[in-house]
């Protein structure tokens, strides 16, 4: 009985690491380029920022003065690469400043 259980466990574990399993590329979020960032200017209304960058991926419901445009990419189960743009607005819903952490190369499909 122990041999049977051992055989089943080994067989199941071997199935998890089978080298022929296809792993897909996973891309999520907003792809933001340097060109789009260069179009941002202090004092732009929120709608105009959305027209340039798209809809933000994350909005903090307790702090509406910030929006997060995040992009992640994982190639075939490898490391996750991330870029992020945080847009800060003043009390008049106009662009006050932004922070960027862009990837050197956007690895889209």
C-alpha atoms as a PDB file:
ATOM      1  CA  UNK A   1       0.000   0.000   0.000  1.00  0.00           C
ATOM      2  CA  UNK A   2       2.852   2.391   0.834  1.00  0.00           C
ATOM      3  CA  UNK A   3       4.434   1.691  -2.552  1.00  0.00           C
ATOM      4  CA  UNK A   4       1.166   2.539  -4.279  1.00  0.00           C
ATOM      5  CA  UNK A   5       0.816   5.831  -2.382  1.00  0.00           C
ATOM      6  CA  UNK A   6       4.475   6.674  -3.059  1.00  0.00           C
ATOM      7  CA  UNK A   7       4.014   5.932  -6.757  1.00  0.00           C
ATOM      8  CA  UNK A   8       0.892   8.111  -6.953  1.00  0.00           C
ATOM      9  CA  UNK A   9       2.609  11.029  -5.168  1.00  0.00           C
ATOM     10  CA  UNK A  10       5.680  10.812  -7.410  1.00  0.00           C
ATOM     11  CA  UNK A  11       3.463  10.624 -10.494  1.00  0.00           C
ATOM     12  CA  UNK A  12       1.460  13.692  -9.385  1.00  0.00           C
ATOM     13  CA  UNK A  13       4.593  15.720  -8.613  1.00  0.00           C
ATOM     14  CA  UNK A  14       6.124  14.808 -11.957  1.00  0.00           C
ATOM     15  CA  UNK A  15       3.014  16.152 -13.684  1.00  0.00           C
ATOM     16  CA  UNK A  16       3.500  19.552 -12.063  1.00  0.00           C
ATOM     17  CA  UNK A  17       6.982  19.959 -13.456  1.00  0.00           C
ATOM     18  CA  UNK A  18       6.470  18.484 -16.906  1.00  0.00           C
ATOM     19  CA  UNK A  19       8.724  20.504 -19.255  1.00  0.00           C
ATOM     20  CA  UNK A  20       6.180  20.577 -22.083  1.00  0.00           C
ATOM     21  CA  UNK A  21       3.648  22.760 -20.252  1.00  0.00           C
ATOM     22  CA  UNK A  22       2.901  25.921 -22.218  1.00  0.00           C
ATOM     23  CA  UNK A  23       3.146  29.122 -20.174  1.00  0.00           C
ATOM     24  CA  UNK A  24       1.619  32.274 -21.587  1.00  0.00           C
ATOM     25  CA  UNK A  25       2.788  35.870 -21.399  1.00  0.00           C
ATOM     26  CA  UNK A  26       0.668  37.861 -18.942  1.00  0.00           C
ATOM     27  CA  UNK A  27       0.285  41.603 -19.436  1.00  0.00           C
ATOM     28  CA  UNK A  28      -1.994  43.779 -17.315  1.00  0.00           C
ATOM     29  CA  UNK A  29      -2.647  47.480 -16.869  1.00  0.00           C
ATOM     30  CA  UNK A  30      -1.910  50.701 -18.694  1.00  0.00           C
ATOM     31  CA  UNK A  31       0.968  50.879 -21.134  1.00  0.00           C
ATOM     32  CA  UNK A  32       2.281  54.428 -20.697  1.00  0.00           C
ATOM     33  CA  UNK A  33       5.070  55.711 -22.933  1.00  0.00           C
ATOM     34  CA  UNK A  34       7.539  58.600 -22.620  1.00  0.00           C
ATOM     35  CA  UNK A  35       5.639  60.349 -25.420  1.00  0.00           C
ATOM     36  CA  UNK A  36       2.404  60.283 -23.400  1.00  0.00           C
ATOM     37  CA  UNK A  37       4.200  61.470 -20.270  1.00  0.00           C
ATOM     38  CA  UNK A  38       5.640  64.418 -22.223  1.00  0.00           C
ATOM     39  CA  UNK A  39       2.066  65.541 -23.038  1.00  0.00           C
ATOM     40  CA  UNK A  40       1.250  66.050 -19.347  1.00  0.00           C
ATOM     41  CA  UNK A  41       1.362  69.620 -18.067  1.00  0.00           C
ATOM     42  CA  UNK A  42       0.712  71.121 -14.677  1.00  0.00           C
ATOM     43  CA  UNK A  43      -2.834  72.459 -14.400  1.00  0.00           C
ATOM     44  CA  UNK A  44      -4.416  69.935 -16.803  1.00  0.00           C
ATOM     45  CA  UNK A  45      -7.925  68.868 -15.758  1.00  0.00           C
ATOM     46  CA  UNK A  46      -8.449  65.242 -14.707  1.00  0.00           C
ATOM     47  CA  UNK A  47     -10.426  64.458 -17.886  1.00  0.00           C
ATOM     48  CA  UNK A  48      -7.594  65.640 -20.088  1.00  0.00           C
ATOM     49  CA  UNK A  49      -5.096  63.490 -18.147  1.00  0.00           C
ATOM     50  CA  UNK A  50      -7.403  60.502 -18.726  1.00  0.00           C
ATOM     51  CA  UNK A  51      -7.563  61.346 -22.428  1.00  0.00           C
ATOM     52  CA  UNK A  52      -3.748  61.163 -22.590  1.00  0.00           C
ATOM     53  CA  UNK A  53      -3.013  58.223 -20.269  1.00  0.00           C
ATOM     54  CA  UNK A  54      -6.285  56.291 -20.301  1.00  0.00           C
ATOM     55  CA  UNK A  55      -8.318  55.123 -17.329  1.00  0.00           C
ATOM     56  CA  UNK A  56      -6.261  54.644 -14.156  1.00  0.00           C
ATOM     57  CA  UNK A  57      -5.839  51.078 -12.967  1.00  0.00           C
ATOM     58  CA  UNK A  58      -6.047  51.991  -9.281  1.00  0.00           C
ATOM     59  CA  UNK A  59      -7.971  54.747  -7.557  1.00  0.00           C
ATOM     60  CA  UNK A  60      -7.720  55.170  -3.798  1.00  0.00           C
ATOM     61  CA  UNK A  61     -11.302  55.774  -2.593  1.00  0.00           C
ATOM     62  CA  UNK A  62     -10.057  57.517   0.574  1.00  0.00           C
ATOM     63  CA  UNK A  63      -7.658  59.851  -1.269  1.00  0.00           C
ATOM     64  CA  UNK A  64      -9.053  61.042  -4.599  1.00  0.00           C
ATOM     65  CA  UNK A  65      -6.061  63.327  -5.129  1.00  0.00           C
ATOM     66  CA  UNK A  66      -3.964  60.428  -6.539  1.00  0.00           C
ATOM     67  CA  UNK A  67      -4.435  57.987  -9.402  1.00  0.00           C
ATOM     68  CA  UNK A  68      -2.203  55.049 -10.268  1.00  0.00           C
ATOM     69  CA  UNK A  69      -1.441  53.905 -13.813  1.00  0.00           C
ATOM     70  CA  UNK A  70       0.276  50.525 -13.361  1.00  0.00           C
ATOM     71  CA  UNK A  71       1.518  48.059 -15.982  1.00  0.00           C
ATOM     72  CA  UNK A  72       2.889  44.589 -15.256  1.00  0.00           C
ATOM     73  CA  UNK A  73       4.315  42.013 -17.634  1.00  0.00           C
ATOM     74  CA  UNK A  74       5.341  38.408 -17.011  1.00  0.00           C
ATOM     75  CA  UNK A  75       6.950  36.444 -19.832  1.00  0.00           C
ATOM     76  CA  UNK A  76       6.228  32.694 -19.779  1.00  0.00           C
ATOM     77  CA  UNK A  77       6.075  32.341 -16.001  1.00  0.00           C
ATOM     78  CA  UNK A  78       9.273  34.353 -15.403  1.00  0.00           C
ATOM     79  CA  UNK A  79       9.868  37.450 -13.296  1.00  0.00           C
ATOM     80  CA  UNK A  80       7.182  40.131 -13.176  1.00  0.00           C
ATOM     81  CA  UNK A  81       8.285  43.482 -14.598  1.00  0.00           C
ATOM     82  CA  UNK A  82       6.376  46.566 -13.446  1.00  0.00           C
ATOM     83  CA  UNK A  83       6.076  50.218 -14.349  1.00  0.00           C
ATOM     84  CA  UNK A  84       4.030  52.801 -12.520  1.00  0.00           C
ATOM     85  CA  UNK A  85       2.863  56.382 -12.974  1.00  0.00           C
ATOM     86  CA  UNK A  86       1.291  58.159  -9.990  1.00  0.00           C
ATOM     87  CA  UNK A  87      -0.634  61.324 -10.846  1.00  0.00           C
ATOM     88  CA  UNK A  88      -1.325  63.854  -8.074  1.00  0.00           C
ATOM     89  CA  UNK A  89      -4.150  66.394  -8.328  1.00  0.00           C
ATOM     90  CA  UNK A  90      -4.771  69.596  -6.386  1.00  0.00           C
ATOM     91  CA  UNK A  91      -8.073  70.544  -4.730  1.00  0.00           C
ATOM     92  CA  UNK A  92      -9.404  71.867  -8.077  1.00  0.00           C
ATOM     93  CA  UNK A  93      -8.928  68.426  -9.745  1.00  0.00           C
ATOM     94  CA  UNK A  94      -6.048  69.738 -11.827  1.00  0.00           C
ATOM     95  CA  UNK A  95      -2.713  68.001 -12.339  1.00  0.00           C
ATOM     96  CA  UNK A  96      -0.277  69.120  -9.650  1.00  0.00           C
ATOM     97  CA  UNK A  97       2.593  66.669 -10.304  1.00  0.00           C
ATOM     98  CA  UNK A  98       3.347  63.110 -11.303  1.00  0.00           C
ATOM     99  CA  UNK A  99       5.864  60.409 -10.430  1.00  0.00           C
ATOM    100  CA  UNK A 100       7.092  57.848 -12.944  1.00  0.00           C
ATOM    101  CA  UNK A 101       8.855  54.499 -12.768  1.00  0.00           C
ATOM    102  CA  UNK A 102       8.916  53.438 -16.424  1.00  0.00           C
ATOM    103  CA  UNK A 103      10.520  50.330 -17.860  1.00  0.00           C
ATOM    104  CA  UNK A 104      13.404  50.914 -20.251  1.00  0.00           C
ATOM    105  CA  UNK A 105      11.506  48.887 -22.839  1.00  0.00           C
ATOM    106  CA  UNK A 106       7.785  48.126 -22.759  1.00  0.00           C
ATOM    107  CA  UNK A 107       7.620  44.377 -23.411  1.00  0.00           C
ATOM    108  CA  UNK A 108       4.181  44.189 -25.005  1.00  0.00           C
ATOM    109  CA  UNK A 109       3.261  41.102 -27.011  1.00  0.00           C
END
